[in-house]
Structure formats: structure tokens, C-alpha cells
Amino acid sequence: MVKKKNVSKKKTSNRKSLSPHNQPIKIENQCFYIIHPKHRDGKDPDASQWIISEDEEKQCFATTLSCAWIIPENVENLCKEGQFGWGIKTGSKKTLEYLGHIGKNRGQKKVKLAKFRNEKQIKQGNWHGYPANYLENSQDIPPEFILKIWKNEGYINKSIMSKIKKGKPCKQIQE
């Protein structure tokens, strides 16, 4: 009589395991913010990279939500796919601080604007963000109503607002 070995088969999941820094941060019911490794690990030479801490990235996103710097202008349902937000990190006296730099293939210019997205690429209801390169990507230009809010709040002046809106270089925002 031959004894059979008790072999247990492990079930494997198709889901990628999330690194500790990439655990979803709950916003509301089924809506989360993800620290996307693509914008942290430096492996993709075309991806912008955060230079602020993960906690500062989360805070930047939280400020974006609390100030309603999102489109469509509906903070009632933050889990709705197709929403975008723009963020800034402010220092003392409402000065803007650097958030990150754009991809290595693009000269690693420092930037002060962030863009946040809620789309199915990751999973519906999950937001992620990145340092925004408004000079090369017109979709990274914040809408005029957000630029006006920033101007009215004293974060930027009329000249900077005009340059960003037109996709023109502005040393105060990107160098």
C-alpha cells in the first residue's frame, strides 16, 4: 500500500499585492487614495516623481478635496469615475513649494502643481496623483476656476495664472 502525501494547493490571486506604502487610504465608502508606485520608484523614465513625503502627498490630496479643486465640481460623490483635481503645497506666507520633478527623460524639471485622477485605470473609486507637467501636457493645466481661486487666495498672481492657463513657462511654478 502506497501512502499518499497530503498536498495542499494554495490559491493564488490575480491581484498584485500592494507594498506597505501603497495601501489605499479611505476617502469615503468605496473610495480610496492610492500612493502610486510609478510616481515614487523612479523605474519609469517618463513618469513624474514626487519629492515630497507620502504623508505630504496625502495632505496635498486632502487639501485638494477640502478646497474642492476638482472637476466636475461635485464633491458629493468623490467615487465617480472621470474626476480630476489639482493641488499645491504651500509654505509660510502662502508661497508654493516644490512637489516633485517630471520624468527623467525630460530633464527632471521641478514642478509645483499636482494632478489627481479618479479613473478605472487603477480601479473605479480609487484616486492617485502625480506632479503635473503643464508645459508638455495640456491636460495637466488646471481649469480657469481653480487658477482664479488660487489667485484670489494669494497663492499665485495674475501673471502666473495667465502663463499657466496658456501653457507658457513660468519660473515660479516649474524650473
N, C-alpha and C. Protein backbone atom coordinates (compact mmCIF):
# COMPACT_ATOMS: atom_id res chain seq x y z
N MET A 1 0.83 -1.17 0.00
CA MET A 1 0.00 0.00 0.00
C MET A 1 0.88 1.25 0.00
N VAL A 2 0.60 2.13 -0.93
CA VAL A 2 1.37 3.35 -1.07
C VAL A 2 0.63 4.48 -0.37
N LYS A 3 1.38 5.18 0.50
CA LYS A 3 0.77 6.31 1.20
C LYS A 3 0.78 7.53 0.31
N LYS A 4 -0.33 8.21 0.28
CA LYS A 4 -0.42 9.45 -0.48
C LYS A 4 -0.02 10.61 0.40
N LYS A 5 0.79 11.49 -0.16
CA LYS A 5 1.18 12.69 0.58
C LYS A 5 0.04 13.68 0.57
N ASN A 6 -0.13 14.32 1.67
CA ASN A 6 -1.17 15.33 1.79
C ASN A 6 -0.62 16.64 1.21
N VAL A 7 -0.98 16.92 0.01
CA VAL A 7 -0.50 18.13 -0.67
C VAL A 7 -1.64 19.13 -0.73
N SER A 8 -1.43 20.25 -0.09
CA SER A 8 -2.47 21.29 -0.16
C SER A 8 -2.07 22.31 -1.21
N LYS A 9 -3.03 22.63 -2.00
CA LYS A 9 -2.79 23.61 -3.05
C LYS A 9 -3.17 24.99 -2.53
N LYS A 10 -2.23 25.92 -2.70
CA LYS A 10 -2.52 27.29 -2.30
C LYS A 10 -3.28 27.98 -3.41
N LYS A 11 -4.28 28.72 -3.03
CA LYS A 11 -4.99 29.51 -4.02
C LYS A 11 -4.19 30.78 -4.26
N THR A 12 -3.97 31.05 -5.51
CA THR A 12 -3.25 32.28 -5.84
C THR A 12 -4.22 33.31 -6.38
N SER A 13 -3.94 34.52 -6.08
CA SER A 13 -4.79 35.61 -6.51
C SER A 13 -4.18 36.30 -7.71
N ASN A 14 -5.01 36.79 -8.59
CA ASN A 14 -4.53 37.56 -9.74
C ASN A 14 -4.19 38.98 -9.36
N ARG A 15 -4.60 39.39 -8.18
CA ARG A 15 -4.34 40.77 -7.74
C ARG A 15 -2.90 40.91 -7.32
N LYS A 16 -2.30 42.01 -7.72
CA LYS A 16 -0.95 42.32 -7.28
C LYS A 16 -1.01 42.73 -5.82
N SER A 17 -0.05 42.26 -5.04
CA SER A 17 -0.04 42.69 -3.64
C SER A 17 0.51 44.10 -3.57
N LEU A 18 -0.05 44.87 -2.69
CA LEU A 18 0.34 46.26 -2.55
C LEU A 18 1.48 46.36 -1.55
N SER A 19 2.48 47.14 -1.88
CA SER A 19 3.56 47.37 -0.94
C SER A 19 3.01 48.16 0.23
N PRO A 20 3.70 48.12 1.37
CA PRO A 20 3.17 48.80 2.55
C PRO A 20 2.86 50.27 2.32
N HIS A 21 3.67 50.96 1.51
CA HIS A 21 3.42 52.38 1.28
C HIS A 21 2.26 52.62 0.33
N ASN A 22 1.78 51.56 -0.30
CA ASN A 22 0.74 51.72 -1.30
C ASN A 22 -0.61 51.21 -0.82
N GLN A 23 -0.82 51.18 0.47
CA GLN A 23 -2.11 50.77 0.99
C GLN A 23 -3.13 51.88 0.72
N PRO A 24 -4.32 51.51 0.26
CA PRO A 24 -5.33 52.52 -0.03
C PRO A 24 -5.71 53.33 1.21
N ILE A 25 -5.94 54.59 1.03
CA ILE A 25 -6.38 55.47 2.10
C ILE A 25 -7.85 55.77 1.85
N LYS A 26 -8.69 55.40 2.78
CA LYS A 26 -10.13 55.54 2.59
C LYS A 26 -10.55 57.00 2.59
N ILE A 27 -11.32 57.39 1.58
CA ILE A 27 -11.87 58.74 1.48
C ILE A 27 -13.32 58.71 1.97
N GLU A 28 -14.09 57.83 1.37
CA GLU A 28 -15.48 57.59 1.78
C GLU A 28 -15.83 56.18 1.35
N ASN A 29 -17.03 55.73 1.63
CA ASN A 29 -17.47 54.34 1.44
C ASN A 29 -16.55 53.47 0.59
N GLN A 30 -16.67 53.52 -0.70
CA GLN A 30 -15.88 52.68 -1.60
C GLN A 30 -14.83 53.49 -2.36
N CYS A 31 -14.37 54.56 -1.80
CA CYS A 31 -13.49 55.49 -2.49
C CYS A 31 -12.17 55.62 -1.72
N PHE A 32 -11.05 55.46 -2.43
CA PHE A 32 -9.74 55.44 -1.80
C PHE A 32 -8.71 56.27 -2.56
N TYR A 33 -7.65 56.67 -1.86
CA TYR A 33 -6.49 57.30 -2.50
C TYR A 33 -5.33 56.31 -2.45
N ILE A 34 -4.65 56.16 -3.57
CA ILE A 34 -3.54 55.22 -3.70
C ILE A 34 -2.24 56.00 -3.91
N ILE A 35 -1.21 55.65 -3.17
CA ILE A 35 0.14 56.17 -3.44
C ILE A 35 0.66 55.30 -4.57
N HIS A 36 0.68 55.81 -5.77
CA HIS A 36 1.03 55.01 -6.95
C HIS A 36 2.54 54.85 -7.05
N PRO A 37 3.04 53.60 -7.04
CA PRO A 37 4.50 53.39 -7.06
C PRO A 37 5.18 53.95 -8.31
N LYS A 38 4.44 54.05 -9.41
CA LYS A 38 5.01 54.58 -10.65
C LYS A 38 5.57 55.99 -10.45
N HIS A 39 4.99 56.73 -9.52
CA HIS A 39 5.43 58.10 -9.28
C HIS A 39 6.30 58.22 -8.03
N ARG A 40 6.82 57.06 -7.58
CA ARG A 40 7.67 57.03 -6.40
C ARG A 40 8.97 56.26 -6.63
N ASP A 41 8.92 55.20 -7.45
CA ASP A 41 10.07 54.28 -7.53
C ASP A 41 11.13 54.65 -8.57
N GLY A 42 10.86 55.60 -9.44
CA GLY A 42 11.84 56.04 -10.43
C GLY A 42 12.12 55.06 -11.56
N LYS A 43 11.34 53.99 -11.67
CA LYS A 43 11.58 52.98 -12.70
C LYS A 43 11.12 53.41 -14.09
N ASP A 44 10.07 54.22 -14.16
CA ASP A 44 9.55 54.68 -15.45
C ASP A 44 10.18 56.04 -15.75
N PRO A 45 11.07 56.10 -16.74
CA PRO A 45 11.77 57.36 -17.01
C PRO A 45 10.87 58.49 -17.52
N ASP A 46 9.66 58.16 -17.92
CA ASP A 46 8.73 59.18 -18.40
C ASP A 46 7.75 59.64 -17.33
N ALA A 47 7.72 58.96 -16.19
CA ALA A 47 6.76 59.30 -15.14
C ALA A 47 7.34 60.37 -14.22
N SER A 48 6.51 61.32 -13.88
CA SER A 48 6.94 62.33 -12.90
C SER A 48 7.09 61.65 -11.55
N GLN A 49 7.95 62.19 -10.71
CA GLN A 49 8.27 61.60 -9.42
C GLN A 49 8.05 62.61 -8.30
N TRP A 50 7.36 62.17 -7.26
CA TRP A 50 7.18 63.01 -6.09
C TRP A 50 8.52 63.17 -5.38
N ILE A 51 8.79 64.38 -4.85
CA ILE A 51 9.96 64.58 -3.99
C ILE A 51 9.51 64.89 -2.57
N ILE A 52 8.22 65.03 -2.37
CA ILE A 52 7.68 65.23 -1.03
C ILE A 52 7.39 63.85 -0.42
N SER A 53 7.22 63.80 0.88
CA SER A 53 6.94 62.53 1.55
C SER A 53 5.54 62.03 1.16
N GLU A 54 5.30 60.76 1.43
CA GLU A 54 3.98 60.18 1.16
C GLU A 54 2.91 60.88 2.00
N ASP A 55 3.25 61.21 3.24
CA ASP A 55 2.29 61.93 4.08
C ASP A 55 1.97 63.31 3.49
N GLU A 56 2.97 63.98 2.93
CA GLU A 56 2.73 65.29 2.30
C GLU A 56 1.91 65.13 1.03
N GLU A 57 2.11 64.04 0.29
CA GLU A 57 1.30 63.75 -0.89
C GLU A 57 -0.15 63.58 -0.48
N LYS A 58 -0.38 62.80 0.56
CA LYS A 58 -1.75 62.58 1.05
C LYS A 58 -2.37 63.90 1.53
N GLN A 59 -1.57 64.73 2.20
CA GLN A 59 -2.06 66.01 2.67
C GLN A 59 -2.42 66.93 1.51
N CYS A 60 -1.59 66.90 0.45
CA CYS A 60 -1.87 67.70 -0.75
C CYS A 60 -3.21 67.28 -1.35
N PHE A 61 -3.44 65.96 -1.41
CA PHE A 61 -4.72 65.46 -1.93
C PHE A 61 -5.88 65.86 -1.02
N ALA A 62 -5.67 65.74 0.29
CA ALA A 62 -6.72 66.11 1.25
C ALA A 62 -7.08 67.60 1.09
N THR A 63 -6.08 68.44 0.88
CA THR A 63 -6.33 69.87 0.67
C THR A 63 -7.12 70.08 -0.62
N THR A 64 -6.75 69.35 -1.67
CA THR A 64 -7.46 69.43 -2.94
C THR A 64 -8.95 69.13 -2.74
N LEU A 65 -9.24 68.09 -1.98
CA LEU A 65 -10.64 67.73 -1.73
C LEU A 65 -11.34 68.76 -0.85
N SER A 66 -10.69 69.16 0.24
CA SER A 66 -11.36 70.08 1.17
C SER A 66 -11.61 71.45 0.55
N CYS A 67 -10.75 71.84 -0.40
CA CYS A 67 -10.93 73.13 -1.09
C CYS A 67 -11.77 72.98 -2.36
N ALA A 68 -12.15 71.75 -2.70
CA ALA A 68 -12.96 71.46 -3.89
C ALA A 68 -12.28 71.91 -5.18
N TRP A 69 -10.97 71.67 -5.28
CA TRP A 69 -10.23 71.99 -6.51
C TRP A 69 -10.33 70.80 -7.45
N ILE A 70 -11.55 70.38 -7.75
CA ILE A 70 -11.77 69.22 -8.60
C ILE A 70 -12.80 69.53 -9.69
N ILE A 71 -12.76 68.73 -10.76
CA ILE A 71 -13.79 68.78 -11.79
C ILE A 71 -14.29 67.36 -12.02
N PRO A 72 -15.54 67.14 -12.37
CA PRO A 72 -16.57 68.17 -12.27
C PRO A 72 -16.69 68.64 -10.83
N GLU A 73 -17.20 69.83 -10.66
CA GLU A 73 -17.27 70.46 -9.34
C GLU A 73 -18.35 69.80 -8.48
N ASN A 74 -18.11 68.54 -8.15
CA ASN A 74 -19.09 67.78 -7.39
C ASN A 74 -18.36 66.98 -6.32
N VAL A 75 -18.29 67.54 -5.14
CA VAL A 75 -17.65 66.82 -4.04
C VAL A 75 -18.63 65.91 -3.32
N GLU A 76 -19.86 65.84 -3.83
CA GLU A 76 -20.87 64.98 -3.22
C GLU A 76 -20.54 63.50 -3.46
N ASN A 77 -19.99 63.18 -4.63
CA ASN A 77 -19.66 61.79 -4.95
C ASN A 77 -18.23 61.72 -5.45
N LEU A 78 -17.29 61.55 -4.54
CA LEU A 78 -15.87 61.51 -4.90
C LEU A 78 -15.45 60.18 -5.50
N CYS A 79 -16.36 59.22 -5.54
CA CYS A 79 -16.04 57.92 -6.12
C CYS A 79 -16.40 57.84 -7.59
N LYS A 80 -16.98 58.88 -8.12
CA LYS A 80 -17.41 58.86 -9.51
C LYS A 80 -16.19 58.92 -10.44
N GLU A 81 -16.14 57.99 -11.37
CA GLU A 81 -15.04 57.94 -12.33
C GLU A 81 -15.01 59.20 -13.19
N GLY A 82 -13.81 59.58 -13.60
CA GLY A 82 -13.67 60.71 -14.51
C GLY A 82 -13.49 62.05 -13.81
N GLN A 83 -13.23 62.03 -12.52
CA GLN A 83 -12.98 63.27 -11.80
C GLN A 83 -11.48 63.55 -11.78
N PHE A 84 -11.15 64.82 -11.76
CA PHE A 84 -9.76 65.25 -11.71
C PHE A 84 -9.64 66.37 -10.68
N GLY A 85 -8.49 66.45 -10.06
CA GLY A 85 -8.23 67.53 -9.12
C GLY A 85 -6.82 68.05 -9.30
N TRP A 86 -6.59 69.26 -8.83
CA TRP A 86 -5.26 69.87 -8.90
C TRP A 86 -4.89 70.33 -7.52
N GLY A 87 -3.60 70.16 -7.18
CA GLY A 87 -3.16 70.53 -5.85
C GLY A 87 -1.87 71.33 -5.85
N ILE A 88 -1.66 71.98 -4.74
CA ILE A 88 -0.44 72.73 -4.49
C ILE A 88 -0.03 72.48 -3.05
N LYS A 89 1.23 72.68 -2.77
CA LYS A 89 1.73 72.57 -1.40
C LYS A 89 2.22 73.96 -1.03
N THR A 90 1.69 74.48 0.06
CA THR A 90 2.04 75.85 0.42
C THR A 90 2.97 75.87 1.63
N GLY A 91 3.85 76.84 1.60
CA GLY A 91 4.74 77.07 2.73
C GLY A 91 4.25 78.26 3.52
N SER A 92 5.16 78.86 4.25
CA SER A 92 4.80 80.05 5.02
C SER A 92 4.49 81.19 4.06
N LYS A 93 3.67 82.09 4.48
CA LYS A 93 3.28 83.26 3.68
C LYS A 93 2.70 82.89 2.32
N LYS A 94 2.02 81.74 2.25
CA LYS A 94 1.34 81.29 1.03
C LYS A 94 2.28 81.12 -0.17
N THR A 95 3.55 80.83 0.08
CA THR A 95 4.46 80.54 -1.03
C THR A 95 4.27 79.09 -1.45
N LEU A 96 4.42 78.83 -2.73
CA LEU A 96 4.26 77.47 -3.24
C LEU A 96 5.59 76.73 -3.11
N GLU A 97 5.52 75.46 -2.70
CA GLU A 97 6.71 74.64 -2.56
C GLU A 97 6.73 73.58 -3.65
N TYR A 98 7.92 73.07 -3.94
CA TYR A 98 8.05 72.04 -4.96
C TYR A 98 7.43 70.73 -4.48
N LEU A 99 6.73 70.06 -5.40
CA LEU A 99 6.08 68.79 -5.11
C LEU A 99 6.87 67.62 -5.69
N GLY A 100 7.50 67.84 -6.82
CA GLY A 100 8.18 66.73 -7.48
C GLY A 100 8.92 67.21 -8.70
N HIS A 101 9.38 66.24 -9.49
CA HIS A 101 10.00 66.58 -10.76
C HIS A 101 9.42 65.69 -11.84
N ILE A 102 9.47 66.23 -13.06
CA ILE A 102 8.90 65.46 -14.17
C ILE A 102 9.89 64.38 -14.58
N GLY A 103 9.48 63.51 -15.47
CA GLY A 103 10.25 62.33 -15.83
C GLY A 103 11.72 62.57 -16.16
N LYS A 104 12.53 61.57 -15.87
CA LYS A 104 13.97 61.65 -16.09
C LYS A 104 14.31 61.97 -17.55
N ASN A 105 13.51 61.49 -18.47
CA ASN A 105 13.75 61.76 -19.89
C ASN A 105 13.44 63.20 -20.26
N ARG A 106 12.91 63.94 -19.34
CA ARG A 106 12.50 65.31 -19.64
C ARG A 106 13.31 66.33 -18.84
N GLY A 107 14.47 65.94 -18.35
CA GLY A 107 15.35 66.89 -17.70
C GLY A 107 15.12 67.10 -16.22
N GLN A 108 14.24 66.32 -15.63
CA GLN A 108 13.95 66.40 -14.19
C GLN A 108 13.66 67.82 -13.71
N LYS A 109 12.87 68.54 -14.46
CA LYS A 109 12.46 69.88 -14.03
C LYS A 109 11.58 69.75 -12.79
N LYS A 110 11.77 70.67 -11.86
CA LYS A 110 10.94 70.66 -10.66
C LYS A 110 9.61 71.33 -10.96
N VAL A 111 8.56 70.82 -10.32
CA VAL A 111 7.22 71.37 -10.54
C VAL A 111 6.53 71.63 -9.20
N LYS A 112 5.56 72.54 -9.23
CA LYS A 112 4.82 72.91 -8.02
C LYS A 112 3.34 72.60 -8.11
N LEU A 113 2.90 71.99 -9.19
CA LEU A 113 1.49 71.62 -9.35
C LEU A 113 1.36 70.11 -9.30
N ALA A 114 0.26 69.65 -8.75
CA ALA A 114 -0.06 68.22 -8.74
C ALA A 114 -1.40 68.02 -9.43
N LYS A 115 -1.55 66.85 -10.05
CA LYS A 115 -2.84 66.48 -10.62
C LYS A 115 -3.27 65.17 -10.00
N PHE A 116 -4.55 65.08 -9.68
CA PHE A 116 -5.12 63.87 -9.09
C PHE A 116 -6.21 63.36 -10.01
N ARG A 117 -6.29 62.03 -10.14
CA ARG A 117 -7.23 61.41 -11.07
C ARG A 117 -8.02 60.31 -10.38
N ASN A 118 -9.27 60.20 -10.78
CA ASN A 118 -10.12 59.09 -10.34
C ASN A 118 -10.60 58.42 -11.62
N GLU A 119 -10.03 57.26 -11.90
CA GLU A 119 -10.37 56.60 -13.16
C GLU A 119 -10.22 55.10 -13.02
N LYS A 120 -10.75 54.38 -13.99
CA LYS A 120 -10.74 52.92 -13.94
C LYS A 120 -9.36 52.32 -14.14
N GLN A 121 -8.37 53.11 -14.60
CA GLN A 121 -7.03 52.55 -14.82
C GLN A 121 -6.57 51.76 -13.61
N ILE A 122 -6.78 52.31 -12.44
CA ILE A 122 -6.40 51.59 -11.23
C ILE A 122 -7.58 50.76 -10.77
N LYS A 123 -8.65 51.38 -10.44
CA LYS A 123 -9.92 50.75 -10.06
C LYS A 123 -10.90 51.87 -9.80
N GLN A 124 -12.09 51.74 -10.32
CA GLN A 124 -13.08 52.79 -10.12
C GLN A 124 -13.21 53.12 -8.64
N GLY A 125 -13.20 54.39 -8.33
CA GLY A 125 -13.29 54.81 -6.95
C GLY A 125 -11.94 55.04 -6.30
N ASN A 126 -10.86 54.73 -7.01
CA ASN A 126 -9.52 54.95 -6.48
C ASN A 126 -8.86 56.13 -7.16
N TRP A 127 -8.40 57.05 -6.37
CA TRP A 127 -7.68 58.22 -6.85
C TRP A 127 -6.18 57.96 -6.75
N HIS A 128 -5.41 58.60 -7.63
CA HIS A 128 -3.96 58.67 -7.47
C HIS A 128 -3.53 60.02 -8.02
N GLY A 129 -2.30 60.41 -7.71
CA GLY A 129 -1.83 61.71 -8.16
C GLY A 129 -0.38 61.68 -8.60
N TYR A 130 0.03 62.79 -9.20
CA TYR A 130 1.41 62.91 -9.69
C TYR A 130 1.76 64.38 -9.85
N PRO A 131 3.07 64.70 -9.81
CA PRO A 131 3.49 66.07 -10.12
C PRO A 131 3.14 66.38 -11.58
N ALA A 132 2.45 67.47 -11.81
CA ALA A 132 1.89 67.77 -13.13
C ALA A 132 2.83 68.63 -13.97
N ASN A 133 2.97 68.24 -15.24
CA ASN A 133 3.82 68.96 -16.19
C ASN A 133 2.91 69.70 -17.19
N TYR A 134 2.45 70.86 -16.79
CA TYR A 134 1.51 71.60 -17.62
C TYR A 134 2.15 72.12 -18.91
N LEU A 135 3.48 72.20 -18.98
CA LEU A 135 4.13 72.70 -20.20
C LEU A 135 4.06 71.70 -21.35
N GLU A 136 4.18 70.42 -21.04
CA GLU A 136 4.17 69.39 -22.09
C GLU A 136 2.84 68.68 -22.22
N ASN A 137 2.00 68.78 -21.21
CA ASN A 137 0.72 68.06 -21.23
C ASN A 137 -0.41 69.04 -20.95
N SER A 138 -1.11 69.44 -21.98
CA SER A 138 -2.17 70.42 -21.81
C SER A 138 -3.25 69.93 -20.84
N GLN A 139 -3.44 68.59 -20.74
CA GLN A 139 -4.43 68.06 -19.81
C GLN A 139 -4.02 68.28 -18.35
N ASP A 140 -2.77 68.68 -18.11
CA ASP A 140 -2.30 68.95 -16.75
C ASP A 140 -2.52 70.42 -16.34
N ILE A 141 -3.01 71.24 -17.25
CA ILE A 141 -3.30 72.63 -16.92
C ILE A 141 -4.59 72.68 -16.10
N PRO A 142 -4.52 73.26 -14.90
CA PRO A 142 -5.75 73.35 -14.09
C PRO A 142 -6.80 74.21 -14.79
N PRO A 143 -8.08 73.91 -14.56
CA PRO A 143 -9.14 74.74 -15.15
C PRO A 143 -9.06 76.17 -14.60
N GLU A 144 -9.60 77.08 -15.37
CA GLU A 144 -9.52 78.50 -15.01
C GLU A 144 -10.12 78.80 -13.64
N PHE A 145 -11.22 78.13 -13.29
CA PHE A 145 -11.84 78.44 -11.99
C PHE A 145 -10.91 78.09 -10.83
N ILE A 146 -10.10 77.04 -10.97
CA ILE A 146 -9.13 76.69 -9.91
C ILE A 146 -8.01 77.71 -9.87
N LEU A 147 -7.51 78.11 -11.06
CA LEU A 147 -6.46 79.14 -11.11
C LEU A 147 -6.96 80.44 -10.47
N LYS A 148 -8.22 80.78 -10.72
CA LYS A 148 -8.79 82.00 -10.13
C LYS A 148 -8.88 81.89 -8.61
N ILE A 149 -9.24 80.72 -8.12
CA ILE A 149 -9.28 80.53 -6.67
C ILE A 149 -7.88 80.73 -6.09
N TRP A 150 -6.88 80.11 -6.72
CA TRP A 150 -5.50 80.24 -6.23
C TRP A 150 -5.05 81.70 -6.25
N LYS A 151 -5.45 82.43 -7.31
CA LYS A 151 -5.09 83.85 -7.41
C LYS A 151 -5.79 84.64 -6.30
N ASN A 152 -7.09 84.41 -6.13
CA ASN A 152 -7.85 85.13 -5.11
C ASN A 152 -7.37 84.82 -3.69
N GLU A 153 -6.84 83.61 -3.49
CA GLU A 153 -6.32 83.22 -2.18
C GLU A 153 -4.88 83.70 -1.96
N GLY A 154 -4.27 84.25 -3.03
CA GLY A 154 -2.91 84.79 -2.91
C GLY A 154 -1.79 83.79 -3.14
N TYR A 155 -2.10 82.60 -3.67
CA TYR A 155 -1.06 81.62 -3.95
C TYR A 155 -0.30 81.96 -5.22
N ILE A 156 -1.00 82.52 -6.20
CA ILE A 156 -0.37 82.94 -7.46
C ILE A 156 -0.90 84.34 -7.79
N ASN A 157 -0.19 85.01 -8.69
CA ASN A 157 -0.68 86.32 -9.12
C ASN A 157 -1.27 86.19 -10.52
N LYS A 158 -1.77 87.30 -11.04
CA LYS A 158 -2.45 87.31 -12.34
C LYS A 158 -1.51 86.88 -13.46
N SER A 159 -0.25 87.31 -13.41
CA SER A 159 0.73 86.95 -14.44
C SER A 159 0.99 85.44 -14.46
N ILE A 160 1.17 84.86 -13.28
CA ILE A 160 1.40 83.41 -13.19
C ILE A 160 0.16 82.66 -13.68
N MET A 161 -1.02 83.12 -13.29
CA MET A 161 -2.26 82.48 -13.72
C MET A 161 -2.35 82.48 -15.25
N SER A 162 -2.04 83.59 -15.85
CA SER A 162 -2.11 83.71 -17.31
C SER A 162 -1.12 82.76 -17.99
N LYS A 163 0.10 82.67 -17.45
CA LYS A 163 1.11 81.78 -18.05
C LYS A 163 0.70 80.32 -17.95
N ILE A 164 0.20 79.92 -16.80
CA ILE A 164 -0.23 78.53 -16.63
C ILE A 164 -1.38 78.23 -17.59
N LYS A 165 -2.36 79.11 -17.63
CA LYS A 165 -3.55 78.93 -18.48
C LYS A 165 -3.16 78.75 -19.94
N LYS A 166 -2.13 79.48 -20.38
CA LYS A 166 -1.69 79.41 -21.78
C LYS A 166 -0.64 78.32 -22.01
N GLY A 167 -0.23 77.61 -20.96
CA GLY A 167 0.79 76.58 -21.10
C GLY A 167 2.17 77.15 -21.36
N LYS A 168 2.42 78.34 -20.85
CA LYS A 168 3.70 79.03 -21.06
C LYS A 168 4.61 78.80 -19.85
N PRO A 169 5.93 78.82 -20.08
CA PRO A 169 6.87 78.64 -18.97
C PRO A 169 6.71 79.71 -17.90
N CYS A 170 6.89 79.30 -16.66
CA CYS A 170 6.76 80.20 -15.53
C CYS A 170 7.73 79.71 -14.44
N LYS A 171 8.79 80.45 -14.19
CA LYS A 171 9.80 80.04 -13.22
C LYS A 171 9.23 79.82 -11.83
N GLN A 172 8.18 80.55 -11.50
CA GLN A 172 7.60 80.42 -10.16
C GLN A 172 6.87 79.08 -9.98
N ILE A 173 6.57 78.39 -11.06
CA ILE A 173 5.81 77.14 -10.99
C ILE A 173 6.64 75.93 -11.41
N GLN A 174 7.51 76.11 -12.36
CA GLN A 174 8.28 74.99 -12.89
C GLN A 174 9.65 75.47 -13.31
N GLU A 175 10.69 74.77 -12.86
CA GLU A 175 12.06 75.14 -13.29
C GLU A 175 12.84 73.91 -13.64
